[in-house]
Amino acid sequence: MIYKVFYQETKERNPKREQTHVLYIEADSAVDARQVVEENTPYNIELVYELDGNHLEYEKENADFQLTEF
């Protein structure tokens, strides 16, 4: 499954919506996706969202869609 992870680049500052970034990751579950990102980055994860069906197709049409591998 593919997950869309919303995150802040640092845990040092308070989260601001304007500074939220996104990455896409393939994992078996949302828990696994969160764990992989937490283990490999200093990011402050806000939300992990599963993409499927029409949502996934829409994201793939976006020029910024690229799976992140750790």
PDB file of N, CA and C in Angstrom:
ATOM      1  N   MET A   1       0.833  -1.169   0.000  1.00  0.00           N
ATOM      2  CA  MET A   1       0.000   0.000   0.000  1.00  0.00           C
ATOM      3  C   MET A   1       0.885   1.242   0.000  1.00  0.00           C
ATOM      4  N   ILE A   2       0.356   2.301  -0.525  1.00  0.00           N
ATOM      5  CA  ILE A   2       1.080   3.555  -0.577  1.00  0.00           C
ATOM      6  C   ILE A   2       0.446   4.537   0.402  1.00  0.00           C
ATOM      7  N   TYR A   3       1.309   5.210   1.153  1.00  0.00           N
ATOM      8  CA  TYR A   3       0.853   6.158   2.159  1.00  0.00           C
ATOM      9  C   TYR A   3       1.412   7.539   1.873  1.00  0.00           C
ATOM     10  N   LYS A   4       0.601   8.533   2.161  1.00  0.00           N
ATOM     11  CA  LYS A   4       1.007   9.926   2.054  1.00  0.00           C
ATOM     12  C   LYS A   4       1.278  10.400   3.478  1.00  0.00           C
ATOM     13  N   VAL A   5       2.504  10.870   3.720  1.00  0.00           N
ATOM     14  CA  VAL A   5       2.923  11.274   5.058  1.00  0.00           C
ATOM     15  C   VAL A   5       3.100  12.792   5.077  1.00  0.00           C
ATOM     16  N   PHE A   6       2.342  13.454   5.927  1.00  0.00           N
ATOM     17  CA  PHE A   6       2.461  14.894   6.126  1.00  0.00           C
ATOM     18  C   PHE A   6       3.403  15.112   7.308  1.00  0.00           C
ATOM     19  N   TYR A   7       4.384  16.000   7.144  1.00  0.00           N
ATOM     20  CA  TYR A   7       5.367  16.182   8.198  1.00  0.00           C
ATOM     21  C   TYR A   7       5.918  17.605   8.233  1.00  0.00           C
ATOM     22  N   GLN A   8       6.519  17.934   9.378  1.00  0.00           N
ATOM     23  CA  GLN A   8       7.302  19.146   9.560  1.00  0.00           C
ATOM     24  C   GLN A   8       8.760  18.708   9.547  1.00  0.00           C
ATOM     25  N   GLU A   9       9.649  19.530   9.041  1.00  0.00           N
ATOM     26  CA  GLU A   9      11.045  19.130   8.904  1.00  0.00           C
ATOM     27  C   GLU A   9      11.783  18.997  10.231  1.00  0.00           C
ATOM     28  N   THR A  10      11.276  19.591  11.288  1.00  0.00           N
ATOM     29  CA  THR A  10      11.961  19.535  12.568  1.00  0.00           C
ATOM     30  C   THR A  10      10.963  19.386  13.715  1.00  0.00           C
ATOM     31  N   LYS A  11      11.430  18.778  14.778  1.00  0.00           N
ATOM     32  CA  LYS A  11      10.615  18.661  15.990  1.00  0.00           C
ATOM     33  C   LYS A  11      10.907  19.804  16.959  1.00  0.00           C
ATOM     34  N   GLU A  12      11.847  20.650  16.600  1.00  0.00           N
ATOM     35  CA  GLU A  12      12.308  21.730  17.460  1.00  0.00           C
ATOM     36  C   GLU A  12      11.301  22.878  17.581  1.00  0.00           C
ATOM     37  N   ARG A  13      10.583  23.178  16.506  1.00  0.00           N
ATOM     38  CA  ARG A  13       9.647  24.309  16.486  1.00  0.00           C
ATOM     39  C   ARG A  13       8.201  23.823  16.492  1.00  0.00           C
ATOM     40  N   ASN A  14       7.317  24.717  16.848  1.00  0.00           N
ATOM     41  CA  ASN A  14       5.896  24.398  16.783  1.00  0.00           C
ATOM     42  C   ASN A  14       5.479  24.210  15.330  1.00  0.00           C
ATOM     43  N   PRO A  15       4.615  23.229  15.054  1.00  0.00           N
ATOM     44  CA  PRO A  15       4.168  23.012  13.672  1.00  0.00           C
ATOM     45  C   PRO A  15       3.375  24.199  13.136  1.00  0.00           C
ATOM     46  N   LYS A  16       3.616  24.525  11.882  1.00  0.00           N
ATOM     47  CA  LYS A  16       2.863  25.566  11.181  1.00  0.00           C
ATOM     48  C   LYS A  16       2.374  24.965   9.871  1.00  0.00           C
ATOM     49  N   ARG A  17       1.118  25.125   9.601  1.00  0.00           N
ATOM     50  CA  ARG A  17       0.510  24.544   8.409  1.00  0.00           C
ATOM     51  C   ARG A  17       1.258  24.948   7.142  1.00  0.00           C
ATOM     52  N   GLU A  18       1.760  26.163   7.094  1.00  0.00           N
ATOM     53  CA  GLU A  18       2.444  26.652   5.901  1.00  0.00           C
ATOM     54  C   GLU A  18       3.764  25.934   5.659  1.00  0.00           C
ATOM     55  N   GLN A  19       4.292  25.272   6.675  1.00  0.00           N
ATOM     56  CA  GLN A  19       5.576  24.590   6.551  1.00  0.00           C
ATOM     57  C   GLN A  19       5.434  23.074   6.488  1.00  0.00           C
ATOM     58  N   THR A  20       4.221  22.594   6.262  1.00  0.00           N
ATOM     59  CA  THR A  20       3.984  21.156   6.159  1.00  0.00           C
ATOM     60  C   THR A  20       4.451  20.650   4.800  1.00  0.00           C
ATOM     61  N   HIS A  21       5.166  19.531   4.821  1.00  0.00           N
ATOM     62  CA  HIS A  21       5.656  18.882   3.609  1.00  0.00           C
ATOM     63  C   HIS A  21       5.015  17.513   3.486  1.00  0.00           C
ATOM     64  N   VAL A  22       5.179  16.901   2.313  1.00  0.00           N
ATOM     65  CA  VAL A  22       4.580  15.594   2.050  1.00  0.00           C
ATOM     66  C   VAL A  22       5.618  14.673   1.440  1.00  0.00           C
ATOM     67  N   LEU A  23       5.553  13.401   1.836  1.00  0.00           N
ATOM     68  CA  LEU A  23       6.305  12.368   1.139  1.00  0.00           C
ATOM     69  C   LEU A  23       5.396  11.160   0.971  1.00  0.00           C
ATOM     70  N   TYR A  24       5.739  10.333   0.010  1.00  0.00           N
ATOM     71  CA  TYR A  24       4.963   9.132  -0.284  1.00  0.00           C
ATOM     72  C   TYR A  24       5.836   7.928  -0.004  1.00  0.00           C
ATOM     73  N   ILE A  25       5.265   6.920   0.656  1.00  0.00           N
ATOM     74  CA  ILE A  25       6.040   5.745   1.033  1.00  0.00           C
ATOM     75  C   ILE A  25       5.190   4.495   0.863  1.00  0.00           C
ATOM     76  N   GLU A  26       5.839   3.415   0.481  1.00  0.00           N
ATOM     77  CA  GLU A  26       5.156   2.134   0.359  1.00  0.00           C
ATOM     78  C   GLU A  26       5.444   1.329   1.617  1.00  0.00           C
ATOM     79  N   ALA A  27       4.391   0.815   2.254  1.00  0.00           N
ATOM     80  CA  ALA A  27       4.532   0.048   3.488  1.00  0.00           C
ATOM     81  C   ALA A  27       3.333  -0.884   3.634  1.00  0.00           C
ATOM     82  N   ASP A  28       3.449  -1.815   4.571  1.00  0.00           N
ATOM     83  CA  ASP A  28       2.372  -2.783   4.803  1.00  0.00           C
ATOM     84  C   ASP A  28       1.206  -2.181   5.577  1.00  0.00           C
ATOM     85  N   SER A  29       1.496  -1.186   6.420  1.00  0.00           N
ATOM     86  CA  SER A  29       0.437  -0.551   7.208  1.00  0.00           C
ATOM     87  C   SER A  29       0.851   0.876   7.539  1.00  0.00           C
ATOM     88  N   ALA A  30      -0.093   1.652   8.032  1.00  0.00           N
ATOM     89  CA  ALA A  30       0.188   3.029   8.423  1.00  0.00           C
ATOM     90  C   ALA A  30       1.186   3.059   9.581  1.00  0.00           C
ATOM     91  N   VAL A  31       1.094   2.092  10.467  1.00  0.00           N
ATOM     92  CA  VAL A  31       2.017   2.009  11.601  1.00  0.00           C
ATOM     93  C   VAL A  31       3.440   1.765  11.091  1.00  0.00           C
ATOM     94  N   ASP A  32       3.586   0.851  10.127  1.00  0.00           N
ATOM     95  CA  ASP A  32       4.902   0.578   9.541  1.00  0.00           C
ATOM     96  C   ASP A  32       5.450   1.805   8.825  1.00  0.00           C
ATOM     97  N   ALA A  33       4.603   2.514   8.096  1.00  0.00           N
ATOM     98  CA  ALA A  33       5.032   3.710   7.379  1.00  0.00           C
ATOM     99  C   ALA A  33       5.537   4.763   8.363  1.00  0.00           C
ATOM    100  N   ARG A  34       4.792   4.987   9.435  1.00  0.00           N
ATOM    101  CA  ARG A  34       5.198   5.962  10.457  1.00  0.00           C
ATOM    102  C   ARG A  34       6.526   5.548  11.096  1.00  0.00           C
ATOM    103  N   GLN A  35       6.665   4.280  11.406  1.00  0.00           N
ATOM    104  CA  GLN A  35       7.873   3.791  12.049  1.00  0.00           C
ATOM    105  C   GLN A  35       9.105   3.965  11.155  1.00  0.00           C
ATOM    106  N   VAL A  36       8.980   3.660   9.874  1.00  0.00           N
ATOM    107  CA  VAL A  36      10.108   3.804   8.946  1.00  0.00           C
ATOM    108  C   VAL A  36      10.535   5.263   8.842  1.00  0.00           C
ATOM    109  N   VAL A  37       9.577   6.165   8.734  1.00  0.00           N
ATOM    110  CA  VAL A  37       9.911   7.587   8.626  1.00  0.00           C
ATOM    111  C   VAL A  37      10.544   8.077   9.922  1.00  0.00           C
ATOM    112  N   GLU A  38       9.995   7.684  11.060  1.00  0.00           N
ATOM    113  CA  GLU A  38      10.549   8.120  12.344  1.00  0.00           C
ATOM    114  C   GLU A  38      11.972   7.611  12.555  1.00  0.00           C
ATOM    115  N   GLU A  39      12.266   6.388  12.117  1.00  0.00           N
ATOM    116  CA  GLU A  39      13.588   5.805  12.316  1.00  0.00           C
ATOM    117  C   GLU A  39      14.643   6.413  11.385  1.00  0.00           C
ATOM    118  N   ASN A  40      14.223   6.948  10.252  1.00  0.00           N
ATOM    119  CA  ASN A  40      15.182   7.397   9.244  1.00  0.00           C
ATOM    120  C   ASN A  40      15.244   8.904   9.024  1.00  0.00           C
ATOM    121  N   THR A  41      14.438   9.660   9.745  1.00  0.00           N
ATOM    122  CA  THR A  41      14.422  11.117   9.560  1.00  0.00           C
ATOM    123  C   THR A  41      14.230  11.818  10.902  1.00  0.00           C
ATOM    124  N   PRO A  42      14.535  13.107  10.961  1.00  0.00           N
ATOM    125  CA  PRO A  42      14.255  13.891  12.178  1.00  0.00           C
ATOM    126  C   PRO A  42      12.878  14.558  12.110  1.00  0.00           C
ATOM    127  N   TYR A  43      12.021  14.137  11.187  1.00  0.00           N
ATOM    128  CA  TYR A  43      10.751  14.803  10.918  1.00  0.00           C
ATOM    129  C   TYR A  43       9.747  14.637  12.046  1.00  0.00           C
ATOM    130  N   ASN A  44       8.888  15.628  12.172  1.00  0.00           N
ATOM    131  CA  ASN A  44       7.748  15.590  13.076  1.00  0.00           C
ATOM    132  C   ASN A  44       6.533  15.200  12.232  1.00  0.00           C
ATOM    133  N   ILE A  45       6.085  13.981  12.356  1.00  0.00           N
ATOM    134  CA  ILE A  45       4.999  13.464  11.519  1.00  0.00           C
ATOM    135  C   ILE A  45       3.662  13.961  12.041  1.00  0.00           C
ATOM    136  N   GLU A  46       2.865  14.535  11.133  1.00  0.00           N
ATOM    137  CA  GLU A  46       1.546  15.034  11.495  1.00  0.00           C
ATOM    138  C   GLU A  46       0.453  14.008  11.202  1.00  0.00           C
ATOM    139  N   LEU A  47       0.526  13.386  10.020  1.00  0.00           N
ATOM    140  CA  LEU A  47      -0.549  12.504   9.580  1.00  0.00           C
ATOM    141  C   LEU A  47      -0.003  11.499   8.587  1.00  0.00           C
ATOM    142  N   VAL A  48      -0.484  10.257   8.681  1.00  0.00           N
ATOM    143  CA  VAL A  48      -0.172   9.217   7.702  1.00  0.00           C
ATOM    144  C   VAL A  48      -1.500   8.788   7.103  1.00  0.00           C
ATOM    145  N   TYR A  49      -1.610   8.934   5.777  1.00  0.00           N
ATOM    146  CA  TYR A  49      -2.885   8.729   5.085  1.00  0.00           C
ATOM    147  C   TYR A  49      -2.712   7.688   3.988  1.00  0.00           C
ATOM    148  N   GLU A  50      -3.525   6.636   4.002  1.00  0.00           N
ATOM    149  CA  GLU A  50      -3.452   5.596   2.978  1.00  0.00           C
ATOM    150  C   GLU A  50      -4.079   6.096   1.674  1.00  0.00           C
ATOM    151  N   LEU A  51      -3.376   5.878   0.575  1.00  0.00           N
ATOM    152  CA  LEU A  51      -3.880   6.245  -0.748  1.00  0.00           C
ATOM    153  C   LEU A  51      -4.311   4.979  -1.486  1.00  0.00           C
ATOM    154  N   ASP A  52      -5.510   5.014  -2.036  1.00  0.00           N
ATOM    155  CA  ASP A  52      -5.968   3.902  -2.865  1.00  0.00           C
ATOM    156  C   ASP A  52      -6.996   4.401  -3.863  1.00  0.00           C
ATOM    157  N   GLY A  53      -7.239   3.610  -4.870  1.00  0.00           N
ATOM    158  CA  GLY A  53      -8.252   3.939  -5.867  1.00  0.00           C
ATOM    159  C   GLY A  53      -8.049   5.290  -6.520  1.00  0.00           C
ATOM    160  N   ASN A  54      -9.116   6.075  -6.561  1.00  0.00           N
ATOM    161  CA  ASN A  54      -9.084   7.384  -7.210  1.00  0.00           C
ATOM    162  C   ASN A  54      -8.107   8.352  -6.538  1.00  0.00           C
ATOM    163  N   HIS A  55      -7.964   8.253  -5.223  1.00  0.00           N
ATOM    164  CA  HIS A  55      -7.027   9.140  -4.518  1.00  0.00           C
ATOM    165  C   HIS A  55      -5.595   8.884  -4.989  1.00  0.00           C
ATOM    166  N   LEU A  56      -5.241   7.616  -5.135  1.00  0.00           N
ATOM    167  CA  LEU A  56      -3.901   7.273  -5.591  1.00  0.00           C
ATOM    168  C   LEU A  56      -3.676   7.725  -7.027  1.00  0.00           C
ATOM    169  N   GLU A  57      -4.647   7.518  -7.887  1.00  0.00           N
ATOM    170  CA  GLU A  57      -4.525   7.944  -9.280  1.00  0.00           C
ATOM    171  C   GLU A  57      -4.365   9.461  -9.385  1.00  0.00           C
ATOM    172  N   TYR A  58      -5.112  10.190  -8.575  1.00  0.00           N
ATOM    173  CA  TYR A  58      -5.001  11.645  -8.567  1.00  0.00           C
ATOM    174  C   TYR A  58      -3.594  12.079  -8.152  1.00  0.00           C
ATOM    175  N   GLU A  59      -3.069  11.474  -7.088  1.00  0.00           N
ATOM    176  CA  GLU A  59      -1.735  11.829  -6.610  1.00  0.00           C
ATOM    177  C   GLU A  59      -0.668  11.484  -7.649  1.00  0.00           C
ATOM    178  N   LYS A  60      -0.834  10.377  -8.359  1.00  0.00           N
ATOM    179  CA  LYS A  60       0.139   9.978  -9.378  1.00  0.00           C
ATOM    180  C   LYS A  60       0.184  10.980 -10.528  1.00  0.00           C
ATOM    181  N   GLU A  61      -0.911  11.652 -10.799  1.00  0.00           N
ATOM    182  CA  GLU A  61      -0.957  12.663 -11.860  1.00  0.00           C
ATOM    183  C   GLU A  61      -0.239  13.941 -11.442  1.00  0.00           C
ATOM    184  N   ASN A  62      -0.035  14.118 -10.138  1.00  0.00           N
ATOM    185  CA  ASN A  62       0.652  15.288  -9.621  1.00  0.00           C
ATOM    186  C   ASN A  62       2.138  15.184  -9.953  1.00  0.00           C
ATOM    187  N   ALA A  63       2.744  16.262 -10.379  1.00  0.00           N
ATOM    188  CA  ALA A  63       4.155  16.264 -10.770  1.00  0.00           C
ATOM    189  C   ALA A  63       5.076  15.961  -9.589  1.00  0.00           C
ATOM    190  N   ASP A  64       4.631  16.175  -8.351  1.00  0.00           N
ATOM    191  CA  ASP A  64       5.470  15.958  -7.171  1.00  0.00           C
ATOM    192  C   ASP A  64       5.417  14.529  -6.638  1.00  0.00           C
ATOM    193  N   PHE A  65       4.639  13.660  -7.263  1.00  0.00           N
ATOM    194  CA  PHE A  65       4.498  12.290  -6.765  1.00  0.00           C
ATOM    195  C   PHE A  65       5.771  11.506  -7.044  1.00  0.00           C
ATOM    196  N   GLN A  66       6.396  11.037  -5.967  1.00  0.00           N
ATOM    197  CA  GLN A  66       7.581  10.196  -6.084  1.00  0.00           C
ATOM    198  C   GLN A  66       7.694   9.397  -4.798  1.00  0.00           C
ATOM    199  N   LEU A  67       7.797   8.076  -4.916  1.00  0.00           N
ATOM    200  CA  LEU A  67       7.927   7.240  -3.727  1.00  0.00           C
ATOM    201  C   LEU A  67       9.287   7.481  -3.093  1.00  0.00           C
ATOM    202  N   THR A  68       9.289   7.618  -1.788  1.00  0.00           N
ATOM    203  CA  THR A  68      10.515   7.788  -1.025  1.00  0.00           C
ATOM    204  C   THR A  68      10.963   6.432  -0.520  1.00  0.00           C
ATOM    205  N   GLU A  69      12.235   6.131  -0.675  1.00  0.00           N
ATOM    206  CA  GLU A  69      12.789   4.871  -0.167  1.00  0.00           C
ATOM    207  C   GLU A  69      13.852   5.166   0.865  1.00  0.00           C
ATOM    208  N   PHE A  70      13.832   4.381   1.934  1.00  0.00           N
ATOM    209  CA  PHE A  70      14.824   4.540   3.004  1.00  0.00           C
ATOM    210  C   PHE A  70      15.718   3.332   3.041  1.00  0.00           C
TER     211      PHE A  70
END
